[in-house]
């Protein structure tokens, strides 16, 4: 459950940055802005899941060998 919460938080943060970056391309071309946003939007999901798993394993999973 905690991994999903981290994932959602990372997605919200990442998508906020995607909107910010895409807004820089909007004066040039709306089509380019949309393509940049969609590329970043998809990439954020991949990166957010990797980060969520990493954070969850590092800080919330105890080592059974200890």
Protein backbone atom coordinates (compact mmCIF):
# COMPACT_ATOMS: atom_id res chain seq x y z
CA UNK A 1 0.00 0.00 0.00
CA UNK A 2 2.81 2.39 0.86
CA UNK A 3 4.41 1.81 -2.56
CA UNK A 4 1.21 2.94 -4.28
CA UNK A 5 1.15 6.13 -2.21
CA UNK A 6 4.75 6.89 -3.13
CA UNK A 7 3.97 6.09 -6.77
CA UNK A 8 1.02 8.49 -6.79
CA UNK A 9 3.09 11.23 -5.17
CA UNK A 10 5.92 10.80 -7.67
CA UNK A 11 3.44 10.83 -10.57
CA UNK A 12 1.82 14.06 -9.39
CA UNK A 13 5.21 15.74 -8.97
CA UNK A 14 6.52 14.40 -12.27
CA UNK A 15 3.43 15.43 -14.22
CA UNK A 16 3.61 18.92 -12.74
CA UNK A 17 7.13 19.19 -14.14
CA UNK A 18 5.91 17.75 -17.47
CA UNK A 19 3.31 20.50 -17.73
CA UNK A 20 5.93 23.11 -16.87
CA UNK A 21 8.37 21.82 -19.50
CA UNK A 22 5.65 21.49 -22.14
CA UNK A 23 4.53 25.06 -21.50
CA UNK A 24 7.93 26.29 -22.70
CA UNK A 25 7.27 24.65 -26.08
CA UNK A 26 3.75 26.04 -26.45
CA UNK A 27 4.76 29.43 -27.94
CA UNK A 28 6.75 27.58 -30.59
CA UNK A 29 4.13 25.03 -31.54
CA UNK A 30 1.07 23.61 -29.81
CA UNK A 31 1.65 20.29 -31.52
CA UNK A 32 5.23 20.13 -30.27
CA UNK A 33 4.04 21.04 -26.80
CA UNK A 34 1.52 18.20 -26.83
CA UNK A 35 4.10 15.68 -28.06
CA UNK A 36 6.60 16.77 -25.41
CA UNK A 37 3.96 16.48 -22.71
CA UNK A 38 2.78 13.05 -23.83
CA UNK A 39 6.33 11.74 -23.99
CA UNK A 40 7.09 13.03 -20.52
CA UNK A 41 3.71 11.82 -19.22
CA UNK A 42 4.46 8.24 -20.23
CA UNK A 43 8.05 8.47 -19.00
CA UNK A 44 6.92 9.74 -15.62
CA UNK A 45 4.96 6.54 -14.98
CA UNK A 46 8.02 4.37 -15.61
CA UNK A 47 10.35 6.50 -13.50
CA UNK A 48 7.77 6.95 -10.72
CA UNK A 49 7.30 3.20 -10.34
CA UNK A 50 11.05 2.58 -10.17
CA UNK A 51 11.45 5.34 -7.57
CA UNK A 52 8.47 4.10 -5.53
CA UNK A 53 9.85 0.57 -5.39
CA UNK A 54 13.32 1.84 -4.50
CA UNK A 55 12.08 4.10 -1.69
CA UNK A 56 9.74 1.44 -0.32
CA UNK A 57 12.41 -1.27 -0.28
CA UNK A 58 15.03 1.00 1.22
CA UNK A 59 13.03 2.57 4.03
CA UNK A 60 10.05 0.30 4.74
CA UNK A 61 11.12 -3.29 4.10
CA UNK A 62 13.13 -4.95 6.83
CA UNK A 63 15.79 -7.49 6.05
CA UNK A 64 14.57 -10.94 7.22
CA UNK A 65 18.20 -12.05 7.78
CA UNK A 66 18.68 -9.47 10.56
